[in-house]
Amino acid sequence: MPQRRIMHDVNEDARDVARALMGTPEYEKSRDERKKVEMKFAHLKCHHGLERLRLRGRSGARDEFTLAAIVQNLKTLANHIWLPPPSGPAACVA
């Protein structure tokens, strides 16, 4: 009868440490912060066409990514400072 083997991953000890930390408040905070950053990258990829970088080299990639991040930050700023037009009796008096 052939022997069965259970494969043990080389990184299993590190995974055990990560599993032990999963319930801590620090882990929850770190997870929430990572999610915010990942959502910003996803937004850049989906809505700003940053699937691939078009400029060559590290400096070109840095410049292109910086411009995309500036656009994203300006959109966020515009959404925060935009106020809807006033409605009601005071709006009709012009």
PDB file of N, CA and C in Angstrom:
ATOM      1  N   MET A   1       0.844  -1.171   0.000  1.00  0.00           N
ATOM      2  CA  MET A   1       0.000   0.000   0.000  1.00  0.00           C
ATOM      3  C   MET A   1       0.896   1.242   0.000  1.00  0.00           C
ATOM      4  N   PRO A   2       0.665   2.205  -0.932  1.00  0.00           N
ATOM      5  CA  PRO A   2       1.504   3.398  -0.978  1.00  0.00           C
ATOM      6  C   PRO A   2       1.257   4.296   0.227  1.00  0.00           C
ATOM      7  N   GLN A   3       2.318   4.942   0.641  1.00  0.00           N
ATOM      8  CA  GLN A   3       2.207   5.850   1.787  1.00  0.00           C
ATOM      9  C   GLN A   3       1.620   7.183   1.351  1.00  0.00           C
ATOM     10  N   ARG A   4       0.869   7.760   2.233  1.00  0.00           N
ATOM     11  CA  ARG A   4       0.305   9.077   1.960  1.00  0.00           C
ATOM     12  C   ARG A   4       1.181  10.139   2.619  1.00  0.00           C
ATOM     13  N   ARG A   5       1.285  11.256   1.965  1.00  0.00           N
ATOM     14  CA  ARG A   5       2.082  12.341   2.507  1.00  0.00           C
ATOM     15  C   ARG A   5       1.206  13.585   2.646  1.00  0.00           C
ATOM     16  N   ILE A   6       1.419  14.286   3.717  1.00  0.00           N
ATOM     17  CA  ILE A   6       0.766  15.564   3.914  1.00  0.00           C
ATOM     18  C   ILE A   6       1.824  16.622   3.672  1.00  0.00           C
ATOM     19  N   MET A   7       1.560  17.439   2.675  1.00  0.00           N
ATOM     20  CA  MET A   7       2.532  18.469   2.325  1.00  0.00           C
ATOM     21  C   MET A   7       2.450  19.614   3.344  1.00  0.00           C
ATOM     22  N   HIS A   8       3.593  20.051   3.799  1.00  0.00           N
ATOM     23  CA  HIS A   8       3.680  21.151   4.759  1.00  0.00           C
ATOM     24  C   HIS A   8       4.311  22.338   4.048  1.00  0.00           C
ATOM     25  N   ASP A   9       3.584  23.429   4.009  1.00  0.00           N
ATOM     26  CA  ASP A   9       4.086  24.624   3.343  1.00  0.00           C
ATOM     27  C   ASP A   9       5.234  25.230   4.148  1.00  0.00           C
ATOM     28  N   VAL A  10       6.195  25.782   3.461  1.00  0.00           N
ATOM     29  CA  VAL A  10       7.362  26.380   4.096  1.00  0.00           C
ATOM     30  C   VAL A  10       6.948  27.576   4.954  1.00  0.00           C
ATOM     31  N   ASN A  11       5.914  28.295   4.535  1.00  0.00           N
ATOM     32  CA  ASN A  11       5.494  29.504   5.224  1.00  0.00           C
ATOM     33  C   ASN A  11       4.381  29.259   6.238  1.00  0.00           C
ATOM     34  N   GLU A  12       4.146  28.031   6.617  1.00  0.00           N
ATOM     35  CA  GLU A  12       3.029  27.725   7.512  1.00  0.00           C
ATOM     36  C   GLU A  12       3.200  28.360   8.894  1.00  0.00           C
ATOM     37  N   ASP A  13       4.429  28.482   9.376  1.00  0.00           N
ATOM     38  CA  ASP A  13       4.653  29.126  10.676  1.00  0.00           C
ATOM     39  C   ASP A  13       4.244  30.594  10.641  1.00  0.00           C
ATOM     40  N   ALA A  14       4.585  31.282   9.559  1.00  0.00           N
ATOM     41  CA  ALA A  14       4.193  32.688   9.419  1.00  0.00           C
ATOM     42  C   ALA A  14       2.678  32.812   9.322  1.00  0.00           C
ATOM     43  N   ARG A  15       2.048  31.866   8.651  1.00  0.00           N
ATOM     44  CA  ARG A  15       0.586  31.890   8.553  1.00  0.00           C
ATOM     45  C   ARG A  15      -0.061  31.663   9.911  1.00  0.00           C
ATOM     46  N   ASP A  16       0.535  30.796  10.720  1.00  0.00           N
ATOM     47  CA  ASP A  16       0.001  30.579  12.065  1.00  0.00           C
ATOM     48  C   ASP A  16       0.069  31.851  12.906  1.00  0.00           C
ATOM     49  N   VAL A  17       1.160  32.591  12.781  1.00  0.00           N
ATOM     50  CA  VAL A  17       1.299  33.856  13.507  1.00  0.00           C
ATOM     51  C   VAL A  17       0.227  34.841  13.035  1.00  0.00           C
ATOM     52  N   ALA A  18       0.019  34.918  11.717  1.00  0.00           N
ATOM     53  CA  ALA A  18      -0.996  35.827  11.177  1.00  0.00           C
ATOM     54  C   ALA A  18      -2.397  35.420  11.640  1.00  0.00           C
ATOM     55  N   ARG A  19      -2.667  34.127  11.672  1.00  0.00           N
ATOM     56  CA  ARG A  19      -3.978  33.662  12.144  1.00  0.00           C
ATOM     57  C   ARG A  19      -4.198  34.014  13.604  1.00  0.00           C
ATOM     58  N   ALA A  20      -3.145  33.968  14.405  1.00  0.00           N
ATOM     59  CA  ALA A  20      -3.267  34.305  15.824  1.00  0.00           C
ATOM     60  C   ALA A  20      -3.553  35.793  16.015  1.00  0.00           C
ATOM     61  N   LEU A  21      -3.066  36.624  15.109  1.00  0.00           N
ATOM     62  CA  LEU A  21      -3.263  38.069  15.230  1.00  0.00           C
ATOM     63  C   LEU A  21      -4.612  38.537  14.688  1.00  0.00           C
ATOM     64  N   MET A  22      -5.339  37.682  13.994  1.00  0.00           N
ATOM     65  CA  MET A  22      -6.550  38.103  13.299  1.00  0.00           C
ATOM     66  C   MET A  22      -7.625  38.674  14.212  1.00  0.00           C
ATOM     67  N   GLY A  23      -7.719  38.270  15.436  1.00  0.00           N
ATOM     68  CA  GLY A  23      -8.779  38.751  16.295  1.00  0.00           C
ATOM     69  C   GLY A  23      -8.458  40.016  17.068  1.00  0.00           C
ATOM     70  N   THR A  24      -7.258  40.525  16.956  1.00  0.00           N
ATOM     71  CA  THR A  24      -6.847  41.661  17.776  1.00  0.00           C
ATOM     72  C   THR A  24      -7.369  42.975  17.200  1.00  0.00           C
ATOM     73  N   PRO A  25      -7.560  43.995  18.044  1.00  0.00           N
ATOM     74  CA  PRO A  25      -8.010  45.301  17.546  1.00  0.00           C
ATOM     75  C   PRO A  25      -7.002  45.960  16.599  1.00  0.00           C
ATOM     76  N   GLU A  26      -5.721  45.701  16.814  1.00  0.00           N
ATOM     77  CA  GLU A  26      -4.699  46.262  15.930  1.00  0.00           C
ATOM     78  C   GLU A  26      -4.846  45.705  14.521  1.00  0.00           C
ATOM     79  N   TYR A  27      -5.160  44.415  14.431  1.00  0.00           N
ATOM     80  CA  TYR A  27      -5.364  43.787  13.128  1.00  0.00           C
ATOM     81  C   TYR A  27      -6.571  44.403  12.422  1.00  0.00           C
ATOM     82  N   GLU A  28      -7.651  44.622  13.181  1.00  0.00           N
ATOM     83  CA  GLU A  28      -8.856  45.209  12.607  1.00  0.00           C
ATOM     84  C   GLU A  28      -8.550  46.605  12.040  1.00  0.00           C
ATOM     85  N   LYS A  29      -7.803  47.405  12.786  1.00  0.00           N
ATOM     86  CA  LYS A  29      -7.449  48.746  12.330  1.00  0.00           C
ATOM     87  C   LYS A  29      -6.576  48.684  11.082  1.00  0.00           C
ATOM     88  N   SER A  30      -5.591  47.797  11.098  1.00  0.00           N
ATOM     89  CA  SER A  30      -4.704  47.648   9.954  1.00  0.00           C
ATOM     90  C   SER A  30      -5.475  47.184   8.723  1.00  0.00           C
ATOM     91  N   ARG A  31      -6.418  46.273   8.914  1.00  0.00           N
ATOM     92  CA  ARG A  31      -7.224  45.774   7.804  1.00  0.00           C
ATOM     93  C   ARG A  31      -8.067  46.895   7.205  1.00  0.00           C
ATOM     94  N   ASP A  32      -8.659  47.733   8.054  1.00  0.00           N
ATOM     95  CA  ASP A  32      -9.477  48.836   7.566  1.00  0.00           C
ATOM     96  C   ASP A  32      -8.637  49.841   6.778  1.00  0.00           C
ATOM     97  N   GLU A  33      -7.426  50.122   7.259  1.00  0.00           N
ATOM     98  CA  GLU A  33      -6.556  51.056   6.553  1.00  0.00           C
ATOM     99  C   GLU A  33      -6.094  50.483   5.213  1.00  0.00           C
ATOM    100  N   ARG A  34      -5.789  49.190   5.181  1.00  0.00           N
ATOM    101  CA  ARG A  34      -5.411  48.555   3.920  1.00  0.00           C
ATOM    102  C   ARG A  34      -6.555  48.592   2.925  1.00  0.00           C
ATOM    103  N   LYS A  35      -7.762  48.395   3.417  1.00  0.00           N
ATOM    104  CA  LYS A  35      -8.919  48.397   2.524  1.00  0.00           C
ATOM    105  C   LYS A  35      -9.093  49.760   1.869  1.00  0.00           C
ATOM    106  N   LYS A  36      -8.881  50.840   2.612  1.00  0.00           N
ATOM    107  CA  LYS A  36      -8.998  52.178   2.043  1.00  0.00           C
ATOM    108  C   LYS A  36      -8.003  52.373   0.905  1.00  0.00           C
ATOM    109  N   VAL A  37      -6.767  51.948   1.121  1.00  0.00           N
ATOM    110  CA  VAL A  37      -5.735  52.115   0.103  1.00  0.00           C
ATOM    111  C   VAL A  37      -6.049  51.255  -1.111  1.00  0.00           C
ATOM    112  N   GLU A  38      -6.454  50.019  -0.887  1.00  0.00           N
ATOM    113  CA  GLU A  38      -6.771  49.125  -1.997  1.00  0.00           C
ATOM    114  C   GLU A  38      -7.939  49.647  -2.815  1.00  0.00           C
ATOM    115  N   MET A  39      -8.925  50.258  -2.153  1.00  0.00           N
ATOM    116  CA  MET A  39     -10.061  50.805  -2.882  1.00  0.00           C
ATOM    117  C   MET A  39      -9.628  51.991  -3.739  1.00  0.00           C
ATOM    118  N   LYS A  40      -8.675  52.762  -3.279  1.00  0.00           N
ATOM    119  CA  LYS A  40      -8.176  53.885  -4.081  1.00  0.00           C
ATOM    120  C   LYS A  40      -7.441  53.371  -5.320  1.00  0.00           C
ATOM    121  N   PHE A  41      -6.639  52.325  -5.170  1.00  0.00           N
ATOM    122  CA  PHE A  41      -5.973  51.735  -6.326  1.00  0.00           C
ATOM    123  C   PHE A  41      -6.992  51.166  -7.305  1.00  0.00           C
ATOM    124  N   ALA A  42      -8.017  50.498  -6.793  1.00  0.00           N
ATOM    125  CA  ALA A  42      -9.053  49.937  -7.664  1.00  0.00           C
ATOM    126  C   ALA A  42      -9.769  51.045  -8.421  1.00  0.00           C
ATOM    127  N   HIS A  43     -10.034  52.163  -7.742  1.00  0.00           N
ATOM    128  CA  HIS A  43     -10.693  53.291  -8.392  1.00  0.00           C
ATOM    129  C   HIS A  43      -9.808  53.864  -9.501  1.00  0.00           C
ATOM    130  N   LEU A  44      -8.521  53.978  -9.238  1.00  0.00           N
ATOM    131  CA  LEU A  44      -7.602  54.460 -10.275  1.00  0.00           C
ATOM    132  C   LEU A  44      -7.613  53.537 -11.484  1.00  0.00           C
ATOM    133  N   LYS A  45      -7.649  52.243 -11.243  1.00  0.00           N
ATOM    134  CA  LYS A  45      -7.620  51.289 -12.341  1.00  0.00           C
ATOM    135  C   LYS A  45      -8.919  51.301 -13.132  1.00  0.00           C
ATOM    136  N   CYS A  46     -10.051  51.350 -12.430  1.00  0.00           N
ATOM    137  CA  CYS A  46     -11.344  51.239 -13.108  1.00  0.00           C
ATOM    138  C   CYS A  46     -11.794  52.547 -13.745  1.00  0.00           C
ATOM    139  N   HIS A  47     -11.621  53.661 -13.061  1.00  0.00           N
ATOM    140  CA  HIS A  47     -12.224  54.910 -13.510  1.00  0.00           C
ATOM    141  C   HIS A  47     -11.244  55.891 -14.134  1.00  0.00           C
ATOM    142  N   HIS A  48      -9.970  55.678 -13.960  1.00  0.00           N
ATOM    143  CA  HIS A  48      -8.992  56.626 -14.506  1.00  0.00           C
ATOM    144  C   HIS A  48      -8.051  55.978 -15.512  1.00  0.00           C
ATOM    145  N   GLY A  49      -8.308  54.748 -15.895  1.00  0.00           N
ATOM    146  CA  GLY A  49      -7.535  54.106 -16.948  1.00  0.00           C
ATOM    147  C   GLY A  49      -6.097  53.824 -16.600  1.00  0.00           C
ATOM    148  N   LEU A  50      -5.835  53.485 -15.366  1.00  0.00           N
ATOM    149  CA  LEU A  50      -4.457  53.225 -14.955  1.00  0.00           C
ATOM    150  C   LEU A  50      -4.181  51.718 -14.911  1.00  0.00           C
ATOM    151  N   GLU A  51      -4.711  50.990 -15.903  1.00  0.00           N
ATOM    152  CA  GLU A  51      -4.455  49.548 -15.938  1.00  0.00           C
ATOM    153  C   GLU A  51      -2.982  49.267 -16.183  1.00  0.00           C
ATOM    154  N   ARG A  52      -2.397  50.083 -17.045  1.00  0.00           N
ATOM    155  CA  ARG A  52      -0.967  49.933 -17.306  1.00  0.00           C
ATOM    156  C   ARG A  52      -0.365  51.312 -17.487  1.00  0.00           C
ATOM    157  N   LEU A  53       0.890  51.409 -17.147  1.00  0.00           N
ATOM    158  CA  LEU A  53       1.586  52.690 -17.250  1.00  0.00           C
ATOM    159  C   LEU A  53       2.112  52.864 -18.669  1.00  0.00           C
ATOM    160  N   ARG A  54       1.986  54.052 -19.198  1.00  0.00           N
ATOM    161  CA  ARG A  54       2.377  54.302 -20.577  1.00  0.00           C
ATOM    162  C   ARG A  54       3.755  54.938 -20.707  1.00  0.00           C
ATOM    163  N   LEU A  55       4.218  55.590 -19.647  1.00  0.00           N
ATOM    164  CA  LEU A  55       5.543  56.199 -19.690  1.00  0.00           C
ATOM    165  C   LEU A  55       6.586  55.184 -19.259  1.00  0.00           C
ATOM    166  N   ARG A  56       7.779  55.332 -19.800  1.00  0.00           N
ATOM    167  CA  ARG A  56       8.830  54.353 -19.519  1.00  0.00           C
ATOM    168  C   ARG A  56       9.665  54.752 -18.319  1.00  0.00           C
ATOM    169  N   GLY A  57      10.253  53.747 -17.707  1.00  0.00           N
ATOM    170  CA  GLY A  57      11.193  53.981 -16.617  1.00  0.00           C
ATOM    171  C   GLY A  57      10.508  54.290 -15.295  1.00  0.00           C
ATOM    172  N   ARG A  58      11.317  54.285 -14.259  1.00  0.00           N
ATOM    173  CA  ARG A  58      10.777  54.554 -12.924  1.00  0.00           C
ATOM    174  C   ARG A  58      10.249  55.971 -12.794  1.00  0.00           C
ATOM    175  N   SER A  59      10.983  56.923 -13.336  1.00  0.00           N
ATOM    176  CA  SER A  59      10.550  58.311 -13.196  1.00  0.00           C
ATOM    177  C   SER A  59       9.261  58.555 -13.975  1.00  0.00           C
ATOM    178  N   GLY A  60       9.131  57.953 -15.156  1.00  0.00           N
ATOM    179  CA  GLY A  60       7.898  58.097 -15.923  1.00  0.00           C
ATOM    180  C   GLY A  60       6.716  57.473 -15.215  1.00  0.00           C
ATOM    181  N   ALA A  61       6.930  56.289 -14.637  1.00  0.00           N
ATOM    182  CA  ALA A  61       5.859  55.620 -13.897  1.00  0.00           C
ATOM    183  C   ALA A  61       5.475  56.432 -12.667  1.00  0.00           C
ATOM    184  N   ARG A  62       6.474  56.972 -11.986  1.00  0.00           N
ATOM    185  CA  ARG A  62       6.191  57.795 -10.816  1.00  0.00           C
ATOM    186  C   ARG A  62       5.402  59.039 -11.203  1.00  0.00           C
ATOM    187  N   ASP A  63       5.812  59.689 -12.293  1.00  0.00           N
ATOM    188  CA  ASP A  63       5.115  60.895 -12.734  1.00  0.00           C
ATOM    189  C   ASP A  63       3.673  60.586 -13.138  1.00  0.00           C
ATOM    190  N   GLU A  64       3.484  59.516 -13.880  1.00  0.00           N
ATOM    191  CA  GLU A  64       2.140  59.156 -14.324  1.00  0.00           C
ATOM    192  C   GLU A  64       1.245  58.805 -13.147  1.00  0.00           C
ATOM    193  N   PHE A  65       1.773  58.055 -12.210  1.00  0.00           N
ATOM    194  CA  PHE A  65       0.975  57.690 -11.038  1.00  0.00           C
ATOM    195  C   PHE A  65       0.678  58.911 -10.181  1.00  0.00           C
ATOM    196  N   THR A  66       1.639  59.821 -10.062  1.00  0.00           N
ATOM    197  CA  THR A  66       1.417  61.048  -9.290  1.00  0.00           C
ATOM    198  C   THR A  66       0.308  61.884  -9.911  1.00  0.00           C
ATOM    199  N   LEU A  67       0.303  62.006 -11.230  1.00  0.00           N
ATOM    200  CA  LEU A  67      -0.757  62.763 -11.900  1.00  0.00           C
ATOM    201  C   LEU A  67      -2.123  62.116 -11.675  1.00  0.00           C
ATOM    202  N   ALA A  68      -2.187  60.794 -11.753  1.00  0.00           N
ATOM    203  CA  ALA A  68      -3.458  60.102 -11.526  1.00  0.00           C
ATOM    204  C   ALA A  68      -3.922  60.295 -10.089  1.00  0.00           C
ATOM    205  N   ALA A  69      -2.993  60.268  -9.138  1.00  0.00           N
ATOM    206  CA  ALA A  69      -3.357  60.477  -7.736  1.00  0.00           C
ATOM    207  C   ALA A  69      -3.832  61.913  -7.506  1.00  0.00           C
ATOM    208  N   ILE A  70      -3.221  62.880  -8.197  1.00  0.00           N
ATOM    209  CA  ILE A  70      -3.660  64.272  -8.082  1.00  0.00           C
ATOM    210  C   ILE A  70      -5.088  64.418  -8.594  1.00  0.00           C
ATOM    211  N   VAL A  71      -5.375  63.787  -9.729  1.00  0.00           N
ATOM    212  CA  VAL A  71      -6.732  63.834 -10.279  1.00  0.00           C
ATOM    213  C   VAL A  71      -7.718  63.243  -9.285  1.00  0.00           C
ATOM    214  N   GLN A  72      -7.366  62.126  -8.715  1.00  0.00           N
ATOM    215  CA  GLN A  72      -8.259  61.478  -7.748  1.00  0.00           C
ATOM    216  C   GLN A  72      -8.468  62.363  -6.518  1.00  0.00           C
ATOM    217  N   ASN A  73      -7.423  62.982  -6.030  1.00  0.00           N
ATOM    218  CA  ASN A  73      -7.549  63.854  -4.869  1.00  0.00           C
ATOM    219  C   ASN A  73      -8.370  65.105  -5.183  1.00  0.00           C
ATOM    220  N   LEU A  74      -8.213  65.656  -6.390  1.00  0.00           N
ATOM    221  CA  LEU A  74      -9.012  66.816  -6.774  1.00  0.00           C
ATOM    222  C   LEU A  74     -10.498  66.458  -6.881  1.00  0.00           C
ATOM    223  N   LYS A  75     -10.788  65.276  -7.406  1.00  0.00           N
ATOM    224  CA  LYS A  75     -12.183  64.839  -7.468  1.00  0.00           C
ATOM    225  C   LYS A  75     -12.763  64.686  -6.069  1.00  0.00           C
ATOM    226  N   THR A  76     -11.992  64.119  -5.162  1.00  0.00           N
ATOM    227  CA  THR A  76     -12.459  63.963  -3.782  1.00  0.00           C
ATOM    228  C   THR A  76     -12.691  65.325  -3.139  1.00  0.00           C
ATOM    229  N   LEU A  77     -11.770  66.248  -3.348  1.00  0.00           N
ATOM    230  CA  LEU A  77     -11.917  67.598  -2.804  1.00  0.00           C
ATOM    231  C   LEU A  77     -13.153  68.289  -3.375  1.00  0.00           C
ATOM    232  N   ALA A  78     -13.365  68.161  -4.671  1.00  0.00           N
ATOM    233  CA  ALA A  78     -14.537  68.780  -5.296  1.00  0.00           C
ATOM    234  C   ALA A  78     -15.827  68.191  -4.735  1.00  0.00           C
ATOM    235  N   ASN A  79     -15.850  66.906  -4.485  1.00  0.00           N
ATOM    236  CA  ASN A  79     -17.058  66.286  -3.918  1.00  0.00           C
ATOM    237  C   ASN A  79     -17.303  66.743  -2.487  1.00  0.00           C
ATOM    238  N   HIS A  80     -16.251  67.062  -1.753  1.00  0.00           N
ATOM    239  CA  HIS A  80     -16.417  67.489  -0.366  1.00  0.00           C
ATOM    240  C   HIS A  80     -16.833  68.953  -0.235  1.00  0.00           C
ATOM    241  N   ILE A  81     -16.399  69.792  -1.169  1.00  0.00           N
ATOM    242  CA  ILE A  81     -16.719  71.212  -1.025  1.00  0.00           C
ATOM    243  C   ILE A  81     -17.935  71.616  -1.840  1.00  0.00           C
ATOM    244  N   TRP A  82     -18.431  70.738  -2.697  1.00  0.00           N
ATOM    245  CA  TRP A  82     -19.594  71.072  -3.516  1.00  0.00           C
ATOM    246  C   TRP A  82     -20.829  71.115  -2.639  1.00  0.00           C
ATOM    247  N   LEU A  83     -21.587  72.184  -2.767  1.00  0.00           N
ATOM    248  CA  LEU A  83     -22.844  72.312  -2.020  1.00  0.00           C
ATOM    249  C   LEU A  83     -23.986  72.351  -3.023  1.00  0.00           C
ATOM    250  N   PRO A  84     -25.076  71.664  -2.739  1.00  0.00           N
ATOM    251  CA  PRO A  84     -26.216  71.720  -3.641  1.00  0.00           C
ATOM    252  C   PRO A  84     -26.830  73.117  -3.631  1.00  0.00           C
ATOM    253  N   PRO A  85     -27.496  73.505  -4.702  1.00  0.00           N
ATOM    254  CA  PRO A  85     -28.112  74.844  -4.726  1.00  0.00           C
ATOM    255  C   PRO A  85     -29.185  74.937  -3.645  1.00  0.00           C
ATOM    256  N   PRO A  86     -29.324  76.111  -3.063  1.00  0.00           N
ATOM    257  CA  PRO A  86     -30.326  76.257  -2.009  1.00  0.00           C
ATOM    258  C   PRO A  86     -31.733  76.103  -2.567  1.00  0.00           C
ATOM    259  N   SER A  87     -32.615  75.573  -1.756  1.00  0.00           N
ATOM    260  CA  SER A  87     -34.001  75.416  -2.172  1.00  0.00           C
ATOM    261  C   SER A  87     -34.900  76.082  -1.136  1.00  0.00           C
ATOM    262  N   GLY A  88     -36.082  76.432  -1.538  1.00  0.00           N
ATOM    263  CA  GLY A  88     -37.004  77.064  -0.610  1.00  0.00           C
ATOM    264  C   GLY A  88     -37.309  78.483  -1.021  1.00  0.00           C
ATOM    265  N   PRO A  89     -37.985  79.236  -0.143  1.00  0.00           N
ATOM    266  CA  PRO A  89     -38.402  80.595  -0.497  1.00  0.00           C
ATOM    267  C   PRO A  89     -37.238  81.548  -0.727  1.00  0.00           C
ATOM    268  N   ALA A  90     -36.138  81.390  -0.021  1.00  0.00           N
ATOM    269  CA  ALA A  90     -35.009  82.309  -0.178  1.00  0.00           C
ATOM    270  C   ALA A  90     -34.353  82.127  -1.541  1.00  0.00           C
ATOM    271  N   ALA A  91     -34.451  80.937  -2.121  1.00  0.00           N
ATOM    272  CA  ALA A  91     -33.830  80.691  -3.414  1.00  0.00           C
ATOM    273  C   ALA A  91     -34.596  81.350  -4.539  1.00  0.00           C
ATOM    274  N   CYS A  92     -35.887  81.576  -4.365  1.00  0.00           N
ATOM    275  CA  CYS A  92     -36.705  82.165  -5.425  1.00  0.00           C
ATOM    276  C   CYS A  92     -36.500  83.661  -5.545  1.00  0.00           C
ATOM    277  N   VAL A  93     -36.039  84.316  -4.500  1.00  0.00           N
ATOM    278  CA  VAL A  93     -35.837  85.768  -4.531  1.00  0.00           C
ATOM    279  C   VAL A  93     -34.511  86.037  -5.220  1.00  0.00           C
ATOM    280  N   ALA A  94     -34.563  86.603  -6.396  1.00  0.00           N
ATOM    281  CA  ALA A  94     -33.315  86.876  -7.107  1.00  0.00           C
ATOM    282  C   ALA A  94     -33.289  88.256  -7.680  1.00  0.00           C
TER     283      ALA A  94
END
